[in-house]
Amino acid sequence: MLFVDMLFVVAVAISFIPILTGYCANSRGRSFWLWFVLGWVLPIVSFFLLFALIARDELDPGRRLLAEAKQILRDAEEKANAIKSQR
């Protein structure tokens, strides 16, 4: 039983990077499952590659403005739909 428990702990520890990579990718609008699989196949490489992509998005003023504009539009659409549903 101790061996099975140890295998379970190792599997959970190893799956931490793929889950973290998938979560970060999903929060940035990228595919969770693609980055999760990449995290299993290339754990450290995929994490740093995703970090580089996120840093590029954050440091590029054009991409940052585009993301802010999309968020403003999304909020405006939600408010408009809320007003329509009240009528």
N, C-alpha and C. Protein backbone atom coordinates (compact mmCIF):
# COMPACT_ATOMS: atom_id res chain seq x y z
N MET A 1 0.83 -1.20 0.00
CA MET A 1 0.00 0.00 0.00
C MET A 1 0.86 1.25 0.00
N LEU A 2 1.99 1.20 0.66
CA LEU A 2 2.89 2.35 0.72
C LEU A 2 3.41 2.71 -0.67
N PHE A 3 3.69 1.69 -1.48
CA PHE A 3 4.18 1.93 -2.84
C PHE A 3 3.13 2.64 -3.69
N VAL A 4 1.88 2.22 -3.57
CA VAL A 4 0.80 2.84 -4.33
C VAL A 4 0.61 4.29 -3.90
N ASP A 5 0.68 4.54 -2.61
CA ASP A 5 0.57 5.91 -2.11
C ASP A 5 1.71 6.78 -2.63
N MET A 6 2.90 6.21 -2.65
CA MET A 6 4.05 6.96 -3.13
C MET A 6 3.91 7.25 -4.63
N LEU A 7 3.42 6.29 -5.39
CA LEU A 7 3.18 6.52 -6.82
C LEU A 7 2.15 7.62 -7.04
N PHE A 8 1.11 7.61 -6.22
CA PHE A 8 0.08 8.65 -6.32
C PHE A 8 0.66 10.03 -6.03
N VAL A 9 1.46 10.14 -5.01
CA VAL A 9 2.08 11.43 -4.65
C VAL A 9 3.00 11.90 -5.77
N VAL A 10 3.77 10.99 -6.35
CA VAL A 10 4.67 11.35 -7.45
C VAL A 10 3.85 11.80 -8.66
N ALA A 11 2.76 11.11 -8.97
CA ALA A 11 1.92 11.49 -10.12
C ALA A 11 1.31 12.87 -9.91
N VAL A 12 0.87 13.16 -8.70
CA VAL A 12 0.30 14.48 -8.41
C VAL A 12 1.38 15.56 -8.52
N ALA A 13 2.56 15.26 -8.00
CA ALA A 13 3.66 16.24 -8.06
C ALA A 13 4.08 16.50 -9.50
N ILE A 14 4.15 15.46 -10.31
CA ILE A 14 4.55 15.62 -11.71
C ILE A 14 3.47 16.37 -12.49
N SER A 15 2.21 16.17 -12.16
CA SER A 15 1.14 16.83 -12.91
C SER A 15 0.93 18.28 -12.49
N PHE A 16 1.68 18.77 -11.53
CA PHE A 16 1.54 20.16 -11.10
C PHE A 16 1.90 21.13 -12.22
N ILE A 17 3.01 20.91 -12.90
CA ILE A 17 3.43 21.82 -13.98
C ILE A 17 2.46 21.79 -15.15
N PRO A 18 2.00 20.62 -15.64
CA PRO A 18 1.02 20.66 -16.73
C PRO A 18 -0.29 21.36 -16.35
N ILE A 19 -0.75 21.15 -15.14
CA ILE A 19 -1.98 21.81 -14.71
C ILE A 19 -1.77 23.32 -14.62
N LEU A 20 -0.65 23.73 -14.05
CA LEU A 20 -0.34 25.15 -13.94
C LEU A 20 -0.18 25.78 -15.33
N THR A 21 0.50 25.09 -16.22
CA THR A 21 0.68 25.59 -17.59
C THR A 21 -0.67 25.71 -18.29
N GLY A 22 -1.51 24.70 -18.17
CA GLY A 22 -2.83 24.75 -18.78
C GLY A 22 -3.70 25.85 -18.22
N TYR A 23 -3.64 26.05 -16.91
CA TYR A 23 -4.42 27.11 -16.27
C TYR A 23 -3.97 28.49 -16.75
N CYS A 24 -2.66 28.71 -16.78
CA CYS A 24 -2.14 30.00 -17.24
C CYS A 24 -2.53 30.25 -18.69
N ALA A 25 -2.44 29.22 -19.52
CA ALA A 25 -2.81 29.36 -20.93
C ALA A 25 -4.30 29.67 -21.05
N ASN A 26 -5.12 28.97 -20.29
CA ASN A 26 -6.56 29.19 -20.35
C ASN A 26 -6.94 30.59 -19.89
N SER A 27 -6.26 31.10 -18.88
CA SER A 27 -6.57 32.44 -18.39
C SER A 27 -6.15 33.51 -19.39
N ARG A 28 -5.29 33.17 -20.33
CA ARG A 28 -4.86 34.11 -21.37
C ARG A 28 -5.56 33.86 -22.70
N GLY A 29 -6.59 33.03 -22.69
CA GLY A 29 -7.36 32.80 -23.91
C GLY A 29 -6.76 31.75 -24.83
N ARG A 30 -5.87 30.95 -24.35
CA ARG A 30 -5.28 29.89 -25.15
C ARG A 30 -5.90 28.55 -24.72
N SER A 31 -5.65 27.52 -25.50
CA SER A 31 -6.25 26.21 -25.25
C SER A 31 -5.65 25.54 -24.01
N PHE A 32 -6.51 25.21 -23.06
CA PHE A 32 -6.05 24.52 -21.85
C PHE A 32 -5.45 23.16 -22.19
N TRP A 33 -6.19 22.38 -22.99
CA TRP A 33 -5.77 21.01 -23.25
C TRP A 33 -4.49 20.93 -24.07
N LEU A 34 -4.31 21.84 -25.01
CA LEU A 34 -3.07 21.85 -25.79
C LEU A 34 -1.88 22.10 -24.88
N TRP A 35 -1.98 23.10 -24.02
CA TRP A 35 -0.87 23.43 -23.13
C TRP A 35 -0.72 22.41 -22.01
N PHE A 36 -1.81 21.76 -21.63
CA PHE A 36 -1.72 20.68 -20.64
C PHE A 36 -0.91 19.51 -21.20
N VAL A 37 -1.20 19.13 -22.44
CA VAL A 37 -0.46 18.04 -23.09
C VAL A 37 1.00 18.45 -23.29
N LEU A 38 1.23 19.69 -23.73
CA LEU A 38 2.60 20.15 -23.86
C LEU A 38 3.32 20.14 -22.52
N GLY A 39 2.59 20.43 -21.46
CA GLY A 39 3.17 20.40 -20.13
C GLY A 39 3.58 18.99 -19.70
N TRP A 40 2.85 17.98 -20.18
CA TRP A 40 3.23 16.60 -19.88
C TRP A 40 4.42 16.17 -20.72
N VAL A 41 4.40 16.55 -22.00
CA VAL A 41 5.46 16.11 -22.92
C VAL A 41 6.77 16.86 -22.64
N LEU A 42 6.68 18.17 -22.52
CA LEU A 42 7.85 19.02 -22.29
C LEU A 42 7.58 19.93 -21.10
N PRO A 43 7.65 19.43 -19.89
CA PRO A 43 7.18 20.21 -18.74
C PRO A 43 7.86 21.56 -18.55
N ILE A 44 9.15 21.60 -18.47
CA ILE A 44 9.85 22.85 -18.18
C ILE A 44 9.84 23.76 -19.41
N VAL A 45 10.05 23.18 -20.59
CA VAL A 45 10.09 23.96 -21.83
C VAL A 45 8.75 24.64 -22.08
N SER A 46 7.66 23.90 -21.91
CA SER A 46 6.34 24.48 -22.18
C SER A 46 6.01 25.60 -21.19
N PHE A 47 6.43 25.44 -19.94
CA PHE A 47 6.17 26.47 -18.94
C PHE A 47 6.89 27.77 -19.31
N PHE A 48 8.17 27.67 -19.69
CA PHE A 48 8.92 28.88 -20.04
C PHE A 48 8.46 29.46 -21.38
N LEU A 49 8.03 28.60 -22.31
CA LEU A 49 7.50 29.09 -23.58
C LEU A 49 6.21 29.88 -23.34
N LEU A 50 5.32 29.35 -22.52
CA LEU A 50 4.09 30.07 -22.19
C LEU A 50 4.40 31.37 -21.46
N PHE A 51 5.37 31.34 -20.55
CA PHE A 51 5.78 32.55 -19.85
C PHE A 51 6.27 33.60 -20.83
N ALA A 52 7.05 33.19 -21.84
CA ALA A 52 7.55 34.13 -22.85
C ALA A 52 6.40 34.71 -23.67
N LEU A 53 5.42 33.88 -24.03
CA LEU A 53 4.27 34.38 -24.79
C LEU A 53 3.45 35.38 -23.97
N ILE A 54 3.25 35.09 -22.70
CA ILE A 54 2.51 36.00 -21.84
C ILE A 54 3.27 37.30 -21.66
N ALA A 55 4.58 37.21 -21.47
CA ALA A 55 5.40 38.42 -21.32
C ALA A 55 5.35 39.27 -22.58
N ARG A 56 5.39 38.61 -23.74
CA ARG A 56 5.30 39.34 -25.01
C ARG A 56 3.97 40.08 -25.11
N ASP A 57 2.89 39.41 -24.72
CA ASP A 57 1.58 40.05 -24.77
C ASP A 57 1.49 41.23 -23.82
N GLU A 58 2.07 41.09 -22.63
CA GLU A 58 1.99 42.14 -21.63
C GLU A 58 2.89 43.33 -21.96
N LEU A 59 4.03 43.08 -22.58
CA LEU A 59 4.98 44.15 -22.85
C LEU A 59 4.70 44.90 -24.15
N ASP A 60 3.91 44.32 -25.04
CA ASP A 60 3.58 44.98 -26.30
C ASP A 60 2.39 45.91 -26.07
N PRO A 61 2.59 47.24 -26.23
CA PRO A 61 1.50 48.18 -25.94
C PRO A 61 0.28 47.97 -26.85
N GLY A 62 0.50 47.59 -28.09
CA GLY A 62 -0.62 47.37 -29.00
C GLY A 62 -1.49 46.22 -28.56
N ARG A 63 -0.88 45.13 -28.16
CA ARG A 63 -1.64 43.97 -27.68
C ARG A 63 -2.36 44.30 -26.38
N ARG A 64 -1.71 45.06 -25.52
CA ARG A 64 -2.33 45.43 -24.25
C ARG A 64 -3.55 46.31 -24.48
N LEU A 65 -3.44 47.28 -25.40
CA LEU A 65 -4.58 48.15 -25.72
C LEU A 65 -5.71 47.35 -26.34
N LEU A 66 -5.36 46.40 -27.21
CA LEU A 66 -6.38 45.57 -27.83
C LEU A 66 -7.12 44.74 -26.78
N ALA A 67 -6.39 44.19 -25.83
CA ALA A 67 -7.03 43.41 -24.76
C ALA A 67 -7.94 44.29 -23.91
N GLU A 68 -7.50 45.52 -23.62
CA GLU A 68 -8.34 46.43 -22.84
C GLU A 68 -9.59 46.82 -23.61
N ALA A 69 -9.45 47.05 -24.92
CA ALA A 69 -10.61 47.41 -25.75
C ALA A 69 -11.60 46.25 -25.81
N LYS A 70 -11.10 45.03 -25.92
CA LYS A 70 -11.99 43.86 -25.94
C LYS A 70 -12.74 43.74 -24.61
N GLN A 71 -12.06 44.01 -23.51
CA GLN A 71 -12.71 43.93 -22.21
C GLN A 71 -13.78 45.00 -22.06
N ILE A 72 -13.51 46.21 -22.53
CA ILE A 72 -14.49 47.29 -22.47
C ILE A 72 -15.71 46.94 -23.31
N LEU A 73 -15.48 46.40 -24.50
CA LEU A 73 -16.59 46.00 -25.38
C LEU A 73 -17.40 44.89 -24.74
N ARG A 74 -16.74 43.92 -24.14
CA ARG A 74 -17.43 42.81 -23.48
C ARG A 74 -18.30 43.32 -22.33
N ASP A 75 -17.77 44.25 -21.54
CA ASP A 75 -18.55 44.82 -20.43
C ASP A 75 -19.75 45.60 -20.94
N ALA A 76 -19.57 46.36 -22.02
CA ALA A 76 -20.67 47.13 -22.59
C ALA A 76 -21.77 46.21 -23.12
N GLU A 77 -21.38 45.11 -23.76
CA GLU A 77 -22.37 44.16 -24.27
C GLU A 77 -23.14 43.51 -23.13
N GLU A 78 -22.46 43.18 -22.04
CA GLU A 78 -23.14 42.60 -20.88
C GLU A 78 -24.14 43.57 -20.28
N LYS A 79 -23.77 44.85 -20.18
CA LYS A 79 -24.69 45.85 -19.65
C LYS A 79 -25.89 46.03 -20.57
N ALA A 80 -25.65 46.03 -21.89
CA ALA A 80 -26.75 46.18 -22.84
C ALA A 80 -27.69 44.99 -22.76
N ASN A 81 -27.15 43.79 -22.63
CA ASN A 81 -28.00 42.61 -22.51
C ASN A 81 -28.79 42.62 -21.20
N ALA A 82 -28.19 43.14 -20.14
CA ALA A 82 -28.90 43.23 -18.86
C ALA A 82 -30.05 44.22 -18.96
N ILE A 83 -29.84 45.32 -19.66
CA ILE A 83 -30.91 46.31 -19.83
C ILE A 83 -32.02 45.74 -20.69
N LYS A 84 -31.67 45.00 -21.75
CA LYS A 84 -32.68 44.38 -22.62
C LYS A 84 -33.52 43.37 -21.85
N SER A 85 -32.87 42.60 -20.99
CA SER A 85 -33.60 41.55 -20.27
C SER A 85 -34.54 42.13 -19.21
N GLN A 86 -34.29 43.36 -18.76
CA GLN A 86 -35.16 43.98 -17.77
C GLN A 86 -36.45 44.50 -18.40
N ARG A 87 -36.45 44.71 -19.68
CA ARG A 87 -37.65 45.25 -20.34
C ARG A 87 -38.71 44.23 -20.53
